[in-house]
Amino acid sequence: MPDYSFSQAIYAVVKQIPPGRVATYLQIAQLVASKKHCRAVGNALHRNPSQGSIPCHRVVNAQGRLSPNFAFGGLNAQQALLEAEGITVAKGKVDLKKYGWKPTENKQHHNL
């Protein structure tokens, strides 16, 4: 189970994803620790203590699919939040080539 500081590092990275962009669980895991921690990223985001300031809706799976178990209203809520930012969602999926976040755009990683 990830500790508090690990979750805080995840939240710090997710806060860097700009509106109109998405990142994958794998991407967040690699920026914080290692690719082995993808599931821990999902668990931390599911426990997001501040939905208003931690944009967990901008995190999708490796194929660009939205979470059917999005903790803050389900798939439809995640889709609505992304579409409000100008991201096109088709059949529950986002085009990662078009909307994928490149962390070098921000260059502020929070490795433990």
PDB file of N, CA and C in Angstrom:
ATOM      1  N   MET A   1       0.845  -1.184   0.000  1.00  0.00           N
ATOM      2  CA  MET A   1       0.000   0.000   0.000  1.00  0.00           C
ATOM      3  C   MET A   1       0.887   1.243   0.000  1.00  0.00           C
ATOM      4  N   PRO A   2       0.673   2.175  -0.888  1.00  0.00           N
ATOM      5  CA  PRO A   2       1.500   3.365  -0.941  1.00  0.00           C
ATOM      6  C   PRO A   2       1.327   4.209   0.313  1.00  0.00           C
ATOM      7  N   ASP A   3       2.391   4.861   0.717  1.00  0.00           N
ATOM      8  CA  ASP A   3       2.291   5.724   1.882  1.00  0.00           C
ATOM      9  C   ASP A   3       1.835   7.122   1.484  1.00  0.00           C
ATOM     10  N   TYR A   4       1.636   7.957   2.496  1.00  0.00           N
ATOM     11  CA  TYR A   4       1.126   9.305   2.288  1.00  0.00           C
ATOM     12  C   TYR A   4       2.012  10.099   1.349  1.00  0.00           C
ATOM     13  N   SER A   5       3.338  10.051   1.526  1.00  0.00           N
ATOM     14  CA  SER A   5       4.229  10.846   0.682  1.00  0.00           C
ATOM     15  C   SER A   5       4.192  10.373  -0.772  1.00  0.00           C
ATOM     16  N   PHE A   6       3.994   9.087  -0.992  1.00  0.00           N
ATOM     17  CA  PHE A   6       3.873   8.564  -2.347  1.00  0.00           C
ATOM     18  C   PHE A   6       2.614   9.130  -3.003  1.00  0.00           C
ATOM     19  N   SER A   7       1.515   9.107  -2.282  1.00  0.00           N
ATOM     20  CA  SER A   7       0.274   9.668  -2.814  1.00  0.00           C
ATOM     21  C   SER A   7       0.428  11.155  -3.089  1.00  0.00           C
ATOM     22  N   GLN A   8       1.078  11.864  -2.205  1.00  0.00           N
ATOM     23  CA  GLN A   8       1.284  13.302  -2.401  1.00  0.00           C
ATOM     24  C   GLN A   8       2.128  13.571  -3.648  1.00  0.00           C
ATOM     25  N   ALA A   9       3.115  12.717  -3.906  1.00  0.00           N
ATOM     26  CA  ALA A   9       3.936  12.864  -5.111  1.00  0.00           C
ATOM     27  C   ALA A   9       3.086  12.644  -6.365  1.00  0.00           C
ATOM     28  N   ILE A  10       2.185  11.673  -6.301  1.00  0.00           N
ATOM     29  CA  ILE A  10       1.276  11.416  -7.424  1.00  0.00           C
ATOM     30  C   ILE A  10       0.399  12.644  -7.666  1.00  0.00           C
ATOM     31  N   TYR A  11      -0.174  13.164  -6.593  1.00  0.00           N
ATOM     32  CA  TYR A  11      -1.048  14.339  -6.733  1.00  0.00           C
ATOM     33  C   TYR A  11      -0.278  15.531  -7.291  1.00  0.00           C
ATOM     34  N   ALA A  12       0.958  15.702  -6.868  1.00  0.00           N
ATOM     35  CA  ALA A  12       1.768  16.826  -7.355  1.00  0.00           C
ATOM     36  C   ALA A  12       2.004  16.721  -8.859  1.00  0.00           C
ATOM     37  N   VAL A  13       2.241  15.521  -9.361  1.00  0.00           N
ATOM     38  CA  VAL A  13       2.450  15.332 -10.800  1.00  0.00           C
ATOM     39  C   VAL A  13       1.144  15.540 -11.556  1.00  0.00           C
ATOM     40  N   VAL A  14       0.058  14.985 -11.044  1.00  0.00           N
ATOM     41  CA  VAL A  14      -1.236  15.119 -11.720  1.00  0.00           C
ATOM     42  C   VAL A  14      -1.644  16.591 -11.816  1.00  0.00           C
ATOM     43  N   LYS A  15      -1.312  17.375 -10.815  1.00  0.00           N
ATOM     44  CA  LYS A  15      -1.628  18.809 -10.848  1.00  0.00           C
ATOM     45  C   LYS A  15      -0.916  19.530 -11.996  1.00  0.00           C
ATOM     46  N   GLN A  16       0.157  18.937 -12.502  1.00  0.00           N
ATOM     47  CA  GLN A  16       0.907  19.549 -13.604  1.00  0.00           C
ATOM     48  C   GLN A  16       0.280  19.316 -14.975  1.00  0.00           C
ATOM     49  N   ILE A  17      -0.638  18.362 -15.083  1.00  0.00           N
ATOM     50  CA  ILE A  17      -1.265  18.075 -16.375  1.00  0.00           C
ATOM     51  C   ILE A  17      -2.141  19.267 -16.736  1.00  0.00           C
ATOM     52  N   PRO A  18      -1.825  19.948 -17.819  1.00  0.00           N
ATOM     53  CA  PRO A  18      -2.595  21.150 -18.158  1.00  0.00           C
ATOM     54  C   PRO A  18      -3.986  20.818 -18.703  1.00  0.00           C
ATOM     55  N   PRO A  19      -4.911  21.754 -18.580  1.00  0.00           N
ATOM     56  CA  PRO A  19      -6.228  21.557 -19.188  1.00  0.00           C
ATOM     57  C   PRO A  19      -6.068  21.270 -20.686  1.00  0.00           C
ATOM     58  N   GLY A  20      -6.901  20.359 -21.175  1.00  0.00           N
ATOM     59  CA  GLY A  20      -6.828  20.010 -22.591  1.00  0.00           C
ATOM     60  C   GLY A  20      -5.820  18.916 -22.896  1.00  0.00           C
ATOM     61  N   ARG A  21      -5.211  18.354 -21.872  1.00  0.00           N
ATOM     62  CA  ARG A  21      -4.235  17.263 -22.021  1.00  0.00           C
ATOM     63  C   ARG A  21      -4.595  16.133 -21.072  1.00  0.00           C
ATOM     64  N   VAL A  22      -4.158  14.922 -21.414  1.00  0.00           N
ATOM     65  CA  VAL A  22      -4.319  13.766 -20.536  1.00  0.00           C
ATOM     66  C   VAL A  22      -2.976  13.066 -20.378  1.00  0.00           C
ATOM     67  N   ALA A  23      -2.865  12.319 -19.296  1.00  0.00           N
ATOM     68  CA  ALA A  23      -1.694  11.476 -19.054  1.00  0.00           C
ATOM     69  C   ALA A  23      -2.207  10.078 -18.733  1.00  0.00           C
ATOM     70  N   THR A  24      -1.331   9.102 -18.805  1.00  0.00           N
ATOM     71  CA  THR A  24      -1.721   7.733 -18.479  1.00  0.00           C
ATOM     72  C   THR A  24      -1.244   7.379 -17.071  1.00  0.00           C
ATOM     73  N   TYR A  25      -1.855   6.341 -16.508  1.00  0.00           N
ATOM     74  CA  TYR A  25      -1.431   5.855 -15.197  1.00  0.00           C
ATOM     75  C   TYR A  25       0.055   5.476 -15.246  1.00  0.00           C
ATOM     76  N   LEU A  26       0.462   4.843 -16.341  1.00  0.00           N
ATOM     77  CA  LEU A  26       1.857   4.450 -16.519  1.00  0.00           C
ATOM     78  C   LEU A  26       2.776   5.669 -16.496  1.00  0.00           C
ATOM     79  N   GLN A  27       2.403   6.691 -17.202  1.00  0.00           N
ATOM     80  CA  GLN A  27       3.192   7.911 -17.269  1.00  0.00           C
ATOM     81  C   GLN A  27       3.384   8.507 -15.864  1.00  0.00           C
ATOM     82  N   ILE A  28       2.300   8.588 -15.105  1.00  0.00           N
ATOM     83  CA  ILE A  28       2.375   9.134 -13.757  1.00  0.00           C
ATOM     84  C   ILE A  28       3.263   8.243 -12.889  1.00  0.00           C
ATOM     85  N   ALA A  29       3.077   6.935 -12.991  1.00  0.00           N
ATOM     86  CA  ALA A  29       3.887   6.006 -12.204  1.00  0.00           C
ATOM     87  C   ALA A  29       5.376   6.176 -12.509  1.00  0.00           C
ATOM     88  N   GLN A  30       5.717   6.304 -13.778  1.00  0.00           N
ATOM     89  CA  GLN A  30       7.124   6.465 -14.155  1.00  0.00           C
ATOM     90  C   GLN A  30       7.695   7.781 -13.656  1.00  0.00           C
ATOM     91  N   LEU A  31       6.899   8.834 -13.627  1.00  0.00           N
ATOM     92  CA  LEU A  31       7.379  10.133 -13.163  1.00  0.00           C
ATOM     93  C   LEU A  31       7.578  10.158 -11.646  1.00  0.00           C
ATOM     94  N   VAL A  32       6.792   9.352 -10.938  1.00  0.00           N
ATOM     95  CA  VAL A  32       6.862   9.345  -9.478  1.00  0.00           C
ATOM     96  C   VAL A  32       7.811   8.274  -8.951  1.00  0.00           C
ATOM     97  N   ALA A  33       7.756   7.088  -9.517  1.00  0.00           N
ATOM     98  CA  ALA A  33       8.560   5.980  -8.979  1.00  0.00           C
ATOM     99  C   ALA A  33       9.033   5.061 -10.103  1.00  0.00           C
ATOM    100  N   SER A  34       8.175   4.129 -10.497  1.00  0.00           N
ATOM    101  CA  SER A  34       8.502   3.221 -11.590  1.00  0.00           C
ATOM    102  C   SER A  34       7.219   2.703 -12.214  1.00  0.00           C
ATOM    103  N   LYS A  35       7.360   2.121 -13.399  1.00  0.00           N
ATOM    104  CA  LYS A  35       6.177   1.635 -14.109  1.00  0.00           C
ATOM    105  C   LYS A  35       5.444   0.536 -13.347  1.00  0.00           C
ATOM    106  N   LYS A  36       6.089  -0.066 -12.370  1.00  0.00           N
ATOM    107  CA  LYS A  36       5.451  -1.112 -11.569  1.00  0.00           C
ATOM    108  C   LYS A  36       4.342  -0.560 -10.671  1.00  0.00           C
ATOM    109  N   HIS A  37       4.254   0.746 -10.546  1.00  0.00           N
ATOM    110  CA  HIS A  37       3.325   1.352  -9.603  1.00  0.00           C
ATOM    111  C   HIS A  37       2.041   1.904 -10.238  1.00  0.00           C
ATOM    112  N   CYS A  38       1.698   1.438 -11.433  1.00  0.00           N
ATOM    113  CA  CYS A  38       0.486   1.920 -12.125  1.00  0.00           C
ATOM    114  C   CYS A  38      -0.768   1.739 -11.278  1.00  0.00           C
ATOM    115  N   ARG A  39      -0.907   0.586 -10.685  1.00  0.00           N
ATOM    116  CA  ARG A  39      -2.100   0.312  -9.877  1.00  0.00           C
ATOM    117  C   ARG A  39      -2.149   1.220  -8.658  1.00  0.00           C
ATOM    118  N   ALA A  40      -0.997   1.492  -8.072  1.00  0.00           N
ATOM    119  CA  ALA A  40      -0.941   2.405  -6.920  1.00  0.00           C
ATOM    120  C   ALA A  40      -1.369   3.811  -7.318  1.00  0.00           C
ATOM    121  N   VAL A  41      -1.032   4.213  -8.538  1.00  0.00           N
ATOM    122  CA  VAL A  41      -1.468   5.528  -9.032  1.00  0.00           C
ATOM    123  C   VAL A  41      -2.990   5.550  -9.095  1.00  0.00           C
ATOM    124  N   GLY A  42      -3.580   4.526  -9.660  1.00  0.00           N
ATOM    125  CA  GLY A  42      -5.038   4.448  -9.734  1.00  0.00           C
ATOM    126  C   GLY A  42      -5.691   4.487  -8.364  1.00  0.00           C
ATOM    127  N   ASN A  43      -5.117   3.758  -7.425  1.00  0.00           N
ATOM    128  CA  ASN A  43      -5.658   3.746  -6.063  1.00  0.00           C
ATOM    129  C   ASN A  43      -5.572   5.126  -5.421  1.00  0.00           C
ATOM    130  N   ALA A  44      -4.457   5.798  -5.587  1.00  0.00           N
ATOM    131  CA  ALA A  44      -4.292   7.138  -5.008  1.00  0.00           C
ATOM    132  C   ALA A  44      -5.292   8.110  -5.625  1.00  0.00           C
ATOM    133  N   LEU A  45      -5.471   8.028  -6.939  1.00  0.00           N
ATOM    134  CA  LEU A  45      -6.404   8.945  -7.599  1.00  0.00           C
ATOM    135  C   LEU A  45      -7.849   8.662  -7.196  1.00  0.00           C
ATOM    136  N   HIS A  46      -8.141   7.402  -6.916  1.00  0.00           N
ATOM    137  CA  HIS A  46      -9.490   7.039  -6.469  1.00  0.00           C
ATOM    138  C   HIS A  46      -9.774   7.655  -5.091  1.00  0.00           C
ATOM    139  N   ARG A  47      -8.727   7.893  -4.310  1.00  0.00           N
ATOM    140  CA  ARG A  47      -8.856   8.502  -2.986  1.00  0.00           C
ATOM    141  C   ARG A  47      -8.563   9.999  -3.021  1.00  0.00           C
ATOM    142  N   ASN A  48      -8.559  10.595  -4.180  1.00  0.00           N
ATOM    143  CA  ASN A  48      -8.239  12.008  -4.362  1.00  0.00           C
ATOM    144  C   ASN A  48      -8.924  12.864  -3.288  1.00  0.00           C
ATOM    145  N   PRO A  49      -8.136  13.519  -2.430  1.00  0.00           N
ATOM    146  CA  PRO A  49      -8.728  14.301  -1.352  1.00  0.00           C
ATOM    147  C   PRO A  49      -9.238  15.676  -1.794  1.00  0.00           C
ATOM    148  N   SER A  50      -8.916  16.080  -3.015  1.00  0.00           N
ATOM    149  CA  SER A  50      -9.281  17.427  -3.447  1.00  0.00           C
ATOM    150  C   SER A  50      -9.538  17.451  -4.949  1.00  0.00           C
ATOM    151  N   GLN A  51     -10.701  16.941  -5.332  1.00  0.00           N
ATOM    152  CA  GLN A  51     -11.027  16.847  -6.753  1.00  0.00           C
ATOM    153  C   GLN A  51     -10.916  18.200  -7.448  1.00  0.00           C
ATOM    154  N   GLY A  52     -11.248  19.258  -6.766  1.00  0.00           N
ATOM    155  CA  GLY A  52     -11.200  20.574  -7.375  1.00  0.00           C
ATOM    156  C   GLY A  52      -9.808  21.038  -7.763  1.00  0.00           C
ATOM    157  N   SER A  53      -8.787  20.588  -7.029  1.00  0.00           N
ATOM    158  CA  SER A  53      -7.429  21.038  -7.349  1.00  0.00           C
ATOM    159  C   SER A  53      -6.523  19.933  -7.878  1.00  0.00           C
ATOM    160  N   ILE A  54      -6.939  18.690  -7.777  1.00  0.00           N
ATOM    161  CA  ILE A  54      -6.172  17.562  -8.321  1.00  0.00           C
ATOM    162  C   ILE A  54      -6.993  16.977  -9.470  1.00  0.00           C
ATOM    163  N   PRO A  55      -6.633  17.299 -10.715  1.00  0.00           N
ATOM    164  CA  PRO A  55      -7.469  16.919 -11.863  1.00  0.00           C
ATOM    165  C   PRO A  55      -7.317  15.458 -12.288  1.00  0.00           C
ATOM    166  N   CYS A  56      -7.780  14.562 -11.426  1.00  0.00           N
ATOM    167  CA  CYS A  56      -7.638  13.134 -11.725  1.00  0.00           C
ATOM    168  C   CYS A  56      -8.416  12.723 -12.971  1.00  0.00           C
ATOM    169  N   HIS A  57      -9.359  13.536 -13.408  1.00  0.00           N
ATOM    170  CA  HIS A  57     -10.108  13.209 -14.630  1.00  0.00           C
ATOM    171  C   HIS A  57      -9.205  13.246 -15.858  1.00  0.00           C
ATOM    172  N   ARG A  58      -8.024  13.839 -15.741  1.00  0.00           N
ATOM    173  CA  ARG A  58      -7.089  13.924 -16.866  1.00  0.00           C
ATOM    174  C   ARG A  58      -6.177  12.699 -16.968  1.00  0.00           C
ATOM    175  N   VAL A  59      -6.433  11.675 -16.176  1.00  0.00           N
ATOM    176  CA  VAL A  59      -5.617  10.456 -16.222  1.00  0.00           C
ATOM    177  C   VAL A  59      -6.459   9.334 -16.812  1.00  0.00           C
ATOM    178  N   VAL A  60      -5.904   8.686 -17.837  1.00  0.00           N
ATOM    179  CA  VAL A  60      -6.587   7.613 -18.568  1.00  0.00           C
ATOM    180  C   VAL A  60      -5.666   6.391 -18.642  1.00  0.00           C
ATOM    181  N   ASN A  61      -6.190   5.301 -19.163  1.00  0.00           N
ATOM    182  CA  ASN A  61      -5.324   4.123 -19.263  1.00  0.00           C
ATOM    183  C   ASN A  61      -4.400   4.217 -20.481  1.00  0.00           C
ATOM    184  N   ALA A  62      -3.566   3.231 -20.655  1.00  0.00           N
ATOM    185  CA  ALA A  62      -2.520   3.252 -21.691  1.00  0.00           C
ATOM    186  C   ALA A  62      -3.074   3.305 -23.109  1.00  0.00           C
ATOM    187  N   GLN A  63      -4.347   2.925 -23.299  1.00  0.00           N
ATOM    188  CA  GLN A  63      -4.974   3.000 -24.617  1.00  0.00           C
ATOM    189  C   GLN A  63      -5.802   4.272 -24.777  1.00  0.00           C
ATOM    190  N   GLY A  64      -5.819   5.113 -23.755  1.00  0.00           N
ATOM    191  CA  GLY A  64      -6.600   6.339 -23.800  1.00  0.00           C
ATOM    192  C   GLY A  64      -8.030   6.170 -23.303  1.00  0.00           C
ATOM    193  N   ARG A  65      -8.333   4.991 -22.764  1.00  0.00           N
ATOM    194  CA  ARG A  65      -9.695   4.729 -22.296  1.00  0.00           C
ATOM    195  C   ARG A  65      -9.961   5.422 -20.960  1.00  0.00           C
ATOM    196  N   LEU A  66     -11.182   5.913 -20.820  1.00  0.00           N
ATOM    197  CA  LEU A  66     -11.611   6.527 -19.572  1.00  0.00           C
ATOM    198  C   LEU A  66     -11.885   5.439 -18.542  1.00  0.00           C
ATOM    199  N   SER A  67     -11.933   5.830 -17.290  1.00  0.00           N
ATOM    200  CA  SER A  67     -12.180   4.877 -16.216  1.00  0.00           C
ATOM    201  C   SER A  67     -13.675   4.622 -16.054  1.00  0.00           C
ATOM    202  N   PRO A  68     -14.106   3.368 -16.172  1.00  0.00           N
ATOM    203  CA  PRO A  68     -15.526   3.085 -15.953  1.00  0.00           C
ATOM    204  C   PRO A  68     -15.900   3.270 -14.486  1.00  0.00           C
ATOM    205  N   ASN A  69     -14.889   3.287 -13.618  1.00  0.00           N
ATOM    206  CA  ASN A  69     -15.110   3.445 -12.180  1.00  0.00           C
ATOM    207  C   ASN A  69     -14.601   4.786 -11.679  1.00  0.00           C
ATOM    208  N   PHE A  70     -14.670   5.811 -12.513  1.00  0.00           N
ATOM    209  CA  PHE A  70     -14.207   7.138 -12.113  1.00  0.00           C
ATOM    210  C   PHE A  70     -14.877   7.495 -10.792  1.00  0.00           C
ATOM    211  N   ALA A  71     -14.061   7.777  -9.781  1.00  0.00           N
ATOM    212  CA  ALA A  71     -14.532   7.945  -8.408  1.00  0.00           C
ATOM    213  C   ALA A  71     -15.477   9.123  -8.207  1.00  0.00           C
ATOM    214  N   PHE A  72     -15.504  10.046  -9.142  1.00  0.00           N
ATOM    215  CA  PHE A  72     -16.281  11.264  -8.935  1.00  0.00           C
ATOM    216  C   PHE A  72     -17.416  11.390  -9.946  1.00  0.00           C
ATOM    217  N   GLY A  73     -18.198  10.316 -10.070  1.00  0.00           N
ATOM    218  CA  GLY A  73     -19.369  10.376 -10.936  1.00  0.00           C
ATOM    219  C   GLY A  73     -19.392   9.374 -12.071  1.00  0.00           C
ATOM    220  N   GLY A  74     -18.383   8.536 -12.195  1.00  0.00           N
ATOM    221  CA  GLY A  74     -18.365   7.513 -13.232  1.00  0.00           C
ATOM    222  C   GLY A  74     -17.875   8.013 -14.581  1.00  0.00           C
ATOM    223  N   LEU A  75     -17.950   7.144 -15.556  1.00  0.00           N
ATOM    224  CA  LEU A  75     -17.454   7.394 -16.914  1.00  0.00           C
ATOM    225  C   LEU A  75     -18.040   8.673 -17.516  1.00  0.00           C
ATOM    226  N   ASN A  76     -19.327   8.877 -17.360  1.00  0.00           N
ATOM    227  CA  ASN A  76     -19.953  10.062 -17.957  1.00  0.00           C
ATOM    228  C   ASN A  76     -19.400  11.352 -17.360  1.00  0.00           C
ATOM    229  N   ALA A  77     -19.138  11.365 -16.059  1.00  0.00           N
ATOM    230  CA  ALA A  77     -18.590  12.563 -15.418  1.00  0.00           C
ATOM    231  C   ALA A  77     -17.181  12.844 -15.923  1.00  0.00           C
ATOM    232  N   GLN A  78     -16.360  11.814 -16.039  1.00  0.00           N
ATOM    233  CA  GLN A  78     -14.997  12.007 -16.542  1.00  0.00           C
ATOM    234  C   GLN A  78     -15.040  12.537 -17.974  1.00  0.00           C
ATOM    235  N   GLN A  79     -15.888  11.958 -18.786  1.00  0.00           N
ATOM    236  CA  GLN A  79     -16.017  12.408 -20.170  1.00  0.00           C
ATOM    237  C   GLN A  79     -16.461  13.868 -20.222  1.00  0.00           C
ATOM    238  N   ALA A  80     -17.441  14.238 -19.423  1.00  0.00           N
ATOM    239  CA  ALA A  80     -17.943  15.614 -19.418  1.00  0.00           C
ATOM    240  C   ALA A  80     -16.843  16.597 -19.014  1.00  0.00           C
ATOM    241  N   LEU A  81     -16.048  16.241 -18.006  1.00  0.00           N
ATOM    242  CA  LEU A  81     -14.956  17.108 -17.557  1.00  0.00           C
ATOM    243  C   LEU A  81     -13.914  17.288 -18.660  1.00  0.00           C
ATOM    244  N   LEU A  82     -13.572  16.192 -19.341  1.00  0.00           N
ATOM    245  CA  LEU A  82     -12.582  16.277 -20.417  1.00  0.00           C
ATOM    246  C   LEU A  82     -13.127  17.084 -21.596  1.00  0.00           C
ATOM    247  N   GLU A  83     -14.372  16.840 -21.960  1.00  0.00           N
ATOM    248  CA  GLU A  83     -14.964  17.576 -23.080  1.00  0.00           C
ATOM    249  C   GLU A  83     -15.077  19.067 -22.761  1.00  0.00           C
ATOM    250  N   ALA A  84     -15.296  19.412 -21.506  1.00  0.00           N
ATOM    251  CA  ALA A  84     -15.355  20.823 -21.108  1.00  0.00           C
ATOM    252  C   ALA A  84     -14.007  21.510 -21.308  1.00  0.00           C
ATOM    253  N   GLU A  85     -12.936  20.709 -21.367  1.00  0.00           N
ATOM    254  CA  GLU A  85     -11.592  21.239 -21.603  1.00  0.00           C
ATOM    255  C   GLU A  85     -11.211  21.178 -23.077  1.00  0.00           C
ATOM    256  N   GLY A  86     -12.139  20.776 -23.926  1.00  0.00           N
ATOM    257  CA  GLY A  86     -11.875  20.721 -25.356  1.00  0.00           C
ATOM    258  C   GLY A  86     -11.329  19.403 -25.857  1.00  0.00           C
ATOM    259  N   ILE A  87     -11.340  18.383 -25.027  1.00  0.00           N
ATOM    260  CA  ILE A  87     -10.838  17.061 -25.414  1.00  0.00           C
ATOM    261  C   ILE A  87     -11.988  16.249 -26.005  1.00  0.00           C
ATOM    262  N   THR A  88     -11.778  15.702 -27.186  1.00  0.00           N
ATOM    263  CA  THR A  88     -12.785  14.866 -27.828  1.00  0.00           C
ATOM    264  C   THR A  88     -12.689  13.449 -27.277  1.00  0.00           C
ATOM    265  N   VAL A  89     -13.823  12.917 -26.857  1.00  0.00           N
ATOM    266  CA  VAL A  89     -13.901  11.539 -26.372  1.00  0.00           C
ATOM    267  C   VAL A  89     -14.799  10.780 -27.331  1.00  0.00           C
ATOM    268  N   ALA A  90     -14.282   9.707 -27.898  1.00  0.00           N
ATOM    269  CA  ALA A  90     -15.061   8.882 -28.824  1.00  0.00           C
ATOM    270  C   ALA A  90     -15.093   7.446 -28.317  1.00  0.00           C
ATOM    271  N   LYS A  91     -16.280   6.947 -28.077  1.00  0.00           N
ATOM    272  CA  LYS A  91     -16.462   5.575 -27.592  1.00  0.00           C
ATOM    273  C   LYS A  91     -15.653   5.322 -26.319  1.00  0.00           C
ATOM    274  N   GLY A  92     -15.671   6.294 -25.405  1.00  0.00           N
ATOM    275  CA  GLY A  92     -14.991   6.137 -24.123  1.00  0.00           C
ATOM    276  C   GLY A  92     -13.487   6.213 -24.188  1.00  0.00           C
ATOM    277  N   LYS A  93     -12.968   6.807 -25.261  1.00  0.00           N
ATOM    278  CA  LYS A  93     -11.526   6.818 -25.480  1.00  0.00           C
ATOM    279  C   LYS A  93     -11.063   8.194 -25.966  1.00  0.00           C
ATOM    280  N   VAL A  94      -9.835   8.550 -25.565  1.00  0.00           N
ATOM    281  CA  VAL A  94      -9.197   9.806 -25.954  1.00  0.00           C
ATOM    282  C   VAL A  94      -8.022   9.484 -26.875  1.00  0.00           C
ATOM    283  N   ASP A  95      -7.802  10.297 -27.871  1.00  0.00           N
ATOM    284  CA  ASP A  95      -6.660  10.134 -28.771  1.00  0.00           C
ATOM    285  C   ASP A  95      -5.400  10.638 -28.067  1.00  0.00           C
ATOM    286  N   LEU A  96      -4.557   9.709 -27.628  1.00  0.00           N
ATOM    287  CA  LEU A  96      -3.346  10.073 -26.882  1.00  0.00           C
ATOM    288  C   LEU A  96      -2.344  10.842 -27.738  1.00  0.00           C
ATOM    289  N   LYS A  97      -2.322  10.566 -29.033  1.00  0.00           N
ATOM    290  CA  LYS A  97      -1.396  11.307 -29.900  1.00  0.00           C
ATOM    291  C   LYS A  97      -1.782  12.779 -29.976  1.00  0.00           C
ATOM    292  N   LYS A  98      -3.069  13.040 -29.951  1.00  0.00           N
ATOM    293  CA  LYS A  98      -3.552  14.411 -30.062  1.00  0.00           C
ATOM    294  C   LYS A  98      -3.581  15.130 -28.709  1.00  0.00           C
ATOM    295  N   TYR A  99      -4.002  14.430 -27.652  1.00  0.00           N
ATOM    296  CA  TYR A  99      -4.221  15.075 -26.359  1.00  0.00           C
ATOM    297  C   TYR A  99      -3.235  14.655 -25.268  1.00  0.00           C
ATOM    298  N   GLY A 100      -2.316  13.751 -25.599  1.00  0.00           N
ATOM    299  CA  GLY A 100      -1.377  13.268 -24.598  1.00  0.00           C
ATOM    300  C   GLY A 100      -0.442  14.367 -24.093  1.00  0.00           C
ATOM    301  N   TRP A 101      -0.260  14.395 -22.796  1.00  0.00           N
ATOM    302  CA  TRP A 101       0.629  15.361 -22.145  1.00  0.00           C
ATOM    303  C   TRP A 101       2.072  14.906 -22.272  1.00  0.00           C
ATOM    304  N   LYS A 102       2.935  15.831 -22.606  1.00  0.00           N
ATOM    305  CA  LYS A 102       4.376  15.575 -22.636  1.00  0.00           C
ATOM    306  C   LYS A 102       4.951  16.288 -21.425  1.00  0.00           C
ATOM    307  N   PRO A 103       5.394  15.534 -20.428  1.00  0.00           N
ATOM    308  CA  PRO A 103       5.873  16.140 -19.182  1.00  0.00           C
ATOM    309  C   PRO A 103       6.968  17.184 -19.378  1.00  0.00           C
ATOM    310  N   THR A 104       7.684  17.126 -20.475  1.00  0.00           N
ATOM    311  CA  THR A 104       8.722  18.130 -20.711  1.00  0.00           C
ATOM    312  C   THR A 104       8.123  19.513 -20.915  1.00  0.00           C
ATOM    313  N   GLU A 105       6.796  19.566 -21.135  1.00  0.00           N
ATOM    314  CA  GLU A 105       6.108  20.852 -21.253  1.00  0.00           C
ATOM    315  C   GLU A 105       6.171  21.618 -19.933  1.00  0.00           C
ATOM    316  N   ASN A 106       6.274  20.872 -18.804  1.00  0.00           N
ATOM    317  CA  ASN A 106       6.262  21.492 -17.489  1.00  0.00           C
ATOM    318  C   ASN A 106       7.599  21.366 -16.754  1.00  0.00           C
ATOM    319  N   LYS A 107       8.253  20.215 -16.926  1.00  0.00           N
ATOM    320  CA  LYS A 107       9.558  19.922 -16.312  1.00  0.00           C
ATOM    321  C   LYS A 107       9.610  20.062 -14.801  1.00  0.00           C
ATOM    322  N   GLN A 108       8.550  19.728 -14.099  1.00  0.00           N
ATOM    323  CA  GLN A 108       8.558  19.734 -12.646  1.00  0.00           C
ATOM    324  C   GLN A 108       8.098  18.360 -12.165  1.00  0.00           C
ATOM    325  N   HIS A 109       8.998  17.444 -12.027  1.00  0.00           N
ATOM    326  CA  HIS A 109       8.635  16.096 -11.587  1.00  0.00           C
ATOM    327  C   HIS A 109       8.897  15.987 -10.102  1.00  0.00           C
ATOM    328  N   HIS A 110       8.158  15.098  -9.473  1.00  0.00           N
ATOM    329  CA  HIS A 110       8.248  14.946  -8.026  1.00  0.00           C
ATOM    330  C   HIS A 110       8.637  13.515  -7.691  1.00  0.00           C
ATOM    331  N   ASN A 111       9.834  13.136  -8.048  1.00  0.00           N
ATOM    332  CA  ASN A 111      10.303  11.796  -7.726  1.00  0.00           C
ATOM    333  C   ASN A 111      10.570  11.680  -6.239  1.00  0.00           C
ATOM    334  N   LEU A 112      10.322  10.499  -5.706  1.00  0.00           N
ATOM    335  CA  LEU A 112      10.585  10.244  -4.278  1.00  0.00           C
ATOM    336  C   LEU A 112      12.030   9.886  -4.075  1.00  0.00           C
TER     337      LEU A 112
END
